[in-house]
Amino acid sequence: MTKEFHIEMIDSIEDYTKRYTIVRGMCDIVEKKLGVFSSPGSNYVITNNDYWTMLGNLSDDAIKEVFDDSYFGDDDGVEREGCYEYKASIYYESGTWNEPGELYCTKQSAELYIDYIEFVFVETFESRLREQKLNDLLGLDTQLF
C-alpha cells in the first residue's frame, strides 16, 4: 500500500471521528410499557449495557445517555426481550454559541443520537438462567476474572 493511501485513510478516519463514535457491545433488552403514548413496535429499552468504543471520542457518560434515551423495536431488529449483541454508530455535534453582536448570545444545543444500530439476538433470559443453574449444579466456574 502506498503512502498516499495511508495518508488518505488517516485523514478520513480523523474526519469521521469528529462527528461519529462506533461502539460494539452486549446488552439486555426489556420491554417498557409506555402507556397510551407508546408507538407500536418500539417499546424496548436497553439495560445492562456492556460496550467498548471501537472508534471515536465520545465520553462514557455521553454514550450511556444516548442509549438511556433511546427506544428500539422491529425496525432495529428487536422483536423480543433477551440478550443481544450490537454494533452502533452514534452521531454527535457539540453545541455552538451564536455570533457576537446578535441580540441574545445563547448556546445552541448539541445533537446526540444513534444514527445506525444493528442488533443480533443471542439468547432469552430463561435460557441464560437455565445455563447458570446447570453450571451451578455441575460446579462449573464461569467467572473468567
C-alpha atoms as a PDB file:
ATOM      1  CA  MET A   1       0.000   0.000   0.000  1.00  0.00           C
ATOM      2  CA  THR A   2       1.243   3.427  -0.855  1.00  0.00           C
ATOM      3  CA  LYS A   3       1.994   6.332   1.422  1.00  0.00           C
ATOM      4  CA  GLU A   4      -0.838   8.305  -0.190  1.00  0.00           C
ATOM      5  CA  PHE A   5      -3.307   5.529   0.653  1.00  0.00           C
ATOM      6  CA  HIS A   6      -2.357   5.672   4.338  1.00  0.00           C
ATOM      7  CA  ILE A   7      -2.476   9.467   4.448  1.00  0.00           C
ATOM      8  CA  GLU A   8      -5.944   9.445   2.859  1.00  0.00           C
ATOM      9  CA  MET A   9      -7.146   6.707   5.225  1.00  0.00           C
ATOM     10  CA  ILE A  10      -5.908   8.572   8.307  1.00  0.00           C
ATOM     11  CA  ASP A  11      -7.490  11.823   7.113  1.00  0.00           C
ATOM     12  CA  SER A  12     -10.845  10.144   6.506  1.00  0.00           C
ATOM     13  CA  ILE A  13     -10.765   8.489   9.948  1.00  0.00           C
ATOM     14  CA  GLU A  14      -9.979  11.837  11.583  1.00  0.00           C
ATOM     15  CA  ASP A  15     -12.892  13.452   9.713  1.00  0.00           C
ATOM     16  CA  TYR A  16     -15.246  10.631  10.668  1.00  0.00           C
ATOM     17  CA  THR A  17     -14.348  10.717  14.365  1.00  0.00           C
ATOM     18  CA  LYS A  18     -15.156  14.432  14.554  1.00  0.00           C
ATOM     19  CA  ARG A  19     -18.851  13.549  14.269  1.00  0.00           C
ATOM     20  CA  TYR A  20     -19.218   9.806  14.945  1.00  0.00           C
ATOM     21  CA  THR A  21     -18.340   7.206  17.542  1.00  0.00           C
ATOM     22  CA  ILE A  22     -18.581   3.491  16.768  1.00  0.00           C
ATOM     23  CA  VAL A  23     -19.346   1.084  19.624  1.00  0.00           C
ATOM     24  CA  ARG A  24     -19.898  -2.679  19.879  1.00  0.00           C
ATOM     25  CA  GLY A  25     -21.485  -4.339  22.822  1.00  0.00           C
ATOM     26  CA  MET A  26     -23.714  -6.827  24.566  1.00  0.00           C
ATOM     27  CA  CYS A  27     -26.868  -5.776  26.370  1.00  0.00           C
ATOM     28  CA  ASP A  28     -30.113  -6.954  27.852  1.00  0.00           C
ATOM     29  CA  ILE A  29     -33.249  -5.586  26.211  1.00  0.00           C
ATOM     30  CA  VAL A  30     -36.543  -5.433  28.067  1.00  0.00           C
ATOM     31  CA  GLU A  31     -39.988  -4.271  27.043  1.00  0.00           C
ATOM     32  CA  LYS A  32     -41.104  -0.981  28.549  1.00  0.00           C
ATOM     33  CA  LYS A  33     -44.802  -0.202  28.579  1.00  0.00           C
ATOM     34  CA  LEU A  34     -45.225   3.436  27.628  1.00  0.00           C
ATOM     35  CA  GLY A  35     -48.954   3.739  28.187  1.00  0.00           C
ATOM     36  CA  VAL A  36     -51.243   5.396  25.670  1.00  0.00           C
ATOM     37  CA  PHE A  37     -48.335   7.198  24.012  1.00  0.00           C
ATOM     38  CA  SER A  38     -46.451   4.047  23.096  1.00  0.00           C
ATOM     39  CA  SER A  39     -45.630   3.624  19.447  1.00  0.00           C
ATOM     40  CA  PRO A  40     -46.254   0.145  18.067  1.00  0.00           C
ATOM     41  CA  GLY A  41     -43.100  -1.954  17.822  1.00  0.00           C
ATOM     42  CA  SER A  42     -40.724   0.484  19.531  1.00  0.00           C
ATOM     43  CA  ASN A  43     -41.198  -0.334  23.192  1.00  0.00           C
ATOM     44  CA  TYR A  44     -37.862  -1.919  24.088  1.00  0.00           C
ATOM     45  CA  VAL A  45     -35.074  -0.357  26.143  1.00  0.00           C
ATOM     46  CA  ILE A  46     -31.513  -1.397  26.897  1.00  0.00           C
ATOM     47  CA  THR A  47     -30.370  -2.471  30.350  1.00  0.00           C
ATOM     48  CA  ASN A  48     -27.032  -3.909  31.483  1.00  0.00           C
ATOM     49  CA  ASN A  49     -25.178  -2.337  28.561  1.00  0.00           C
ATOM     50  CA  ASP A  50     -21.563  -3.508  28.247  1.00  0.00           C
ATOM     51  CA  TYR A  51     -19.745  -1.971  25.282  1.00  0.00           C
ATOM     52  CA  TRP A  52     -16.373  -0.908  24.007  1.00  0.00           C
ATOM     53  CA  THR A  53     -15.557   2.055  21.823  1.00  0.00           C
ATOM     54  CA  MET A  54     -14.052   0.980  18.533  1.00  0.00           C
ATOM     55  CA  LEU A  55     -13.609   4.448  17.071  1.00  0.00           C
ATOM     56  CA  GLY A  56     -14.417   7.976  18.165  1.00  0.00           C
ATOM     57  CA  ASN A  57     -14.143  10.368  21.048  1.00  0.00           C
ATOM     58  CA  LEU A  58     -17.451  10.367  22.934  1.00  0.00           C
ATOM     59  CA  SER A  59     -17.235  10.075  26.697  1.00  0.00           C
ATOM     60  CA  ASP A  60     -18.763   7.118  28.527  1.00  0.00           C
ATOM     61  CA  ASP A  61     -21.372   9.463  30.031  1.00  0.00           C
ATOM     62  CA  ALA A  62     -22.486  10.631  26.577  1.00  0.00           C
ATOM     63  CA  ILE A  63     -22.671   7.067  25.241  1.00  0.00           C
ATOM     64  CA  LYS A  64     -24.705   5.950  28.254  1.00  0.00           C
ATOM     65  CA  GLU A  65     -27.001   8.978  27.861  1.00  0.00           C
ATOM     66  CA  VAL A  66     -27.802   8.264  24.219  1.00  0.00           C
ATOM     67  CA  PHE A  67     -28.649   4.623  24.992  1.00  0.00           C
ATOM     68  CA  ASP A  68     -30.701   5.553  28.069  1.00  0.00           C
ATOM     69  CA  ASP A  69     -32.790   7.961  25.963  1.00  0.00           C
ATOM     70  CA  SER A  70     -33.455   5.510  23.100  1.00  0.00           C
ATOM     71  CA  TYR A  71     -36.239   3.044  22.358  1.00  0.00           C
ATOM     72  CA  PHE A  72     -35.873   0.129  19.964  1.00  0.00           C
ATOM     73  CA  GLY A  73     -38.175  -2.172  18.052  1.00  0.00           C
ATOM     74  CA  ASP A  74     -38.824  -4.209  14.935  1.00  0.00           C
ATOM     75  CA  ASP A  75     -37.095  -1.717  12.631  1.00  0.00           C
ATOM     76  CA  ASP A  76     -33.907  -2.134  14.681  1.00  0.00           C
ATOM     77  CA  GLY A  77     -34.030  -5.937  14.768  1.00  0.00           C
ATOM     78  CA  VAL A  78     -35.512  -6.211  18.282  1.00  0.00           C
ATOM     79  CA  GLU A  79     -38.537  -8.481  18.412  1.00  0.00           C
ATOM     80  CA  ARG A  80     -38.419  -9.834  21.965  1.00  0.00           C
ATOM     81  CA  GLU A  81     -36.766  -9.485  25.318  1.00  0.00           C
ATOM     82  CA  GLY A  82     -33.368 -11.069  25.814  1.00  0.00           C
ATOM     83  CA  CYS A  83     -29.640 -10.672  25.431  1.00  0.00           C
ATOM     84  CA  TYR A  84     -28.395  -9.008  22.235  1.00  0.00           C
ATOM     85  CA  GLU A  85     -25.092  -8.192  20.614  1.00  0.00           C
ATOM     86  CA  TYR A  86     -24.974  -4.894  18.735  1.00  0.00           C
ATOM     87  CA  LYS A  87     -22.930  -2.512  16.591  1.00  0.00           C
ATOM     88  CA  ALA A  88     -23.834   1.175  16.676  1.00  0.00           C
ATOM     89  CA  SER A  89     -22.801   4.439  15.092  1.00  0.00           C
ATOM     90  CA  ILE A  90     -23.508   7.446  17.315  1.00  0.00           C
ATOM     91  CA  TYR A  91     -23.679  10.901  15.738  1.00  0.00           C
ATOM     92  CA  TYR A  92     -22.719  13.932  17.772  1.00  0.00           C
ATOM     93  CA  GLU A  93     -22.169  17.597  17.197  1.00  0.00           C
ATOM     94  CA  SER A  94     -21.246  19.899  20.012  1.00  0.00           C
ATOM     95  CA  GLY A  95     -23.334  22.991  20.586  1.00  0.00           C
ATOM     96  CA  THR A  96     -22.105  26.375  19.414  1.00  0.00           C
ATOM     97  CA  TRP A  97     -22.573  29.924  20.603  1.00  0.00           C
ATOM     98  CA  ASN A  98     -24.400  32.467  18.463  1.00  0.00           C
ATOM     99  CA  GLU A  99     -22.244  35.083  16.799  1.00  0.00           C
ATOM    100  CA  PRO A 100     -21.211  38.091  18.901  1.00  0.00           C
ATOM    101  CA  GLY A 101     -23.359  41.150  18.251  1.00  0.00           C
ATOM    102  CA  GLU A 102     -26.617  39.202  17.992  1.00  0.00           C
ATOM    103  CA  LEU A 103     -29.435  40.273  20.293  1.00  0.00           C
ATOM    104  CA  TYR A 104     -29.101  37.245  22.571  1.00  0.00           C
ATOM    105  CA  CYS A 105     -25.950  35.225  22.976  1.00  0.00           C
ATOM    106  CA  THR A 106     -27.156  31.685  23.589  1.00  0.00           C
ATOM    107  CA  LYS A 107     -25.672  28.263  23.209  1.00  0.00           C
ATOM    108  CA  GLN A 108     -27.329  26.092  20.594  1.00  0.00           C
ATOM    109  CA  SER A 109     -27.941  22.605  21.889  1.00  0.00           C
ATOM    110  CA  ALA A 110     -25.738  19.716  20.888  1.00  0.00           C
ATOM    111  CA  GLU A 111     -27.008  16.851  18.770  1.00  0.00           C
ATOM    112  CA  LEU A 112     -26.517  13.324  20.055  1.00  0.00           C
ATOM    113  CA  TYR A 113     -28.331  10.305  18.669  1.00  0.00           C
ATOM    114  CA  ILE A 114     -27.852   6.750  17.443  1.00  0.00           C
ATOM    115  CA  ASP A 115     -27.526   7.112  13.679  1.00  0.00           C
ATOM    116  CA  TYR A 116     -27.324   3.371  12.986  1.00  0.00           C
ATOM    117  CA  ILE A 117     -27.647   0.247  15.119  1.00  0.00           C
ATOM    118  CA  GLU A 118     -27.667  -3.442  14.271  1.00  0.00           C
ATOM    119  CA  PHE A 119     -28.835  -5.977  16.849  1.00  0.00           C
ATOM    120  CA  VAL A 120     -28.207  -9.738  16.805  1.00  0.00           C
ATOM    121  CA  PHE A 121     -30.275 -11.845  19.192  1.00  0.00           C
ATOM    122  CA  VAL A 122     -28.109 -14.040  21.444  1.00  0.00           C
ATOM    123  CA  GLU A 123     -30.393 -15.715  23.984  1.00  0.00           C
ATOM    124  CA  THR A 124     -33.507 -15.342  26.099  1.00  0.00           C
ATOM    125  CA  PHE A 125     -33.296 -14.569  29.792  1.00  0.00           C
ATOM    126  CA  GLU A 126     -34.764 -18.003  30.506  1.00  0.00           C
ATOM    127  CA  SER A 127     -32.030 -19.859  28.611  1.00  0.00           C
ATOM    128  CA  ARG A 128     -29.339 -17.796  30.345  1.00  0.00           C
ATOM    129  CA  LEU A 129     -30.849 -18.583  33.755  1.00  0.00           C
ATOM    130  CA  ARG A 130     -31.122 -22.277  32.835  1.00  0.00           C
ATOM    131  CA  GLU A 131     -27.445 -22.313  31.774  1.00  0.00           C
ATOM    132  CA  GLN A 132     -26.382 -20.608  35.023  1.00  0.00           C
ATOM    133  CA  LYS A 133     -28.334 -23.137  37.089  1.00  0.00           C
ATOM    134  CA  LEU A 134     -26.793 -26.021  35.149  1.00  0.00           C
ATOM    135  CA  ASN A 135     -23.295 -24.618  35.665  1.00  0.00           C
ATOM    136  CA  ASP A 136     -24.002 -24.218  39.397  1.00  0.00           C
ATOM    137  CA  LEU A 137     -25.313 -27.781  39.589  1.00  0.00           C
ATOM    138  CA  LEU A 138     -22.253 -29.175  37.824  1.00  0.00           C
ATOM    139  CA  GLY A 139     -19.904 -26.964  39.806  1.00  0.00           C
ATOM    140  CA  LEU A 140     -18.537 -25.196  36.739  1.00  0.00           C
ATOM    141  CA  ASP A 141     -16.906 -21.861  37.440  1.00  0.00           C
ATOM    142  CA  THR A 142     -17.901 -19.497  34.630  1.00  0.00           C
ATOM    143  CA  GLN A 143     -16.097 -16.462  36.059  1.00  0.00           C
ATOM    144  CA  LEU A 144     -13.079 -15.587  33.962  1.00  0.00           C
ATOM    145  CA  PHE A 145     -11.656 -12.980  36.330  1.00  0.00           C
END
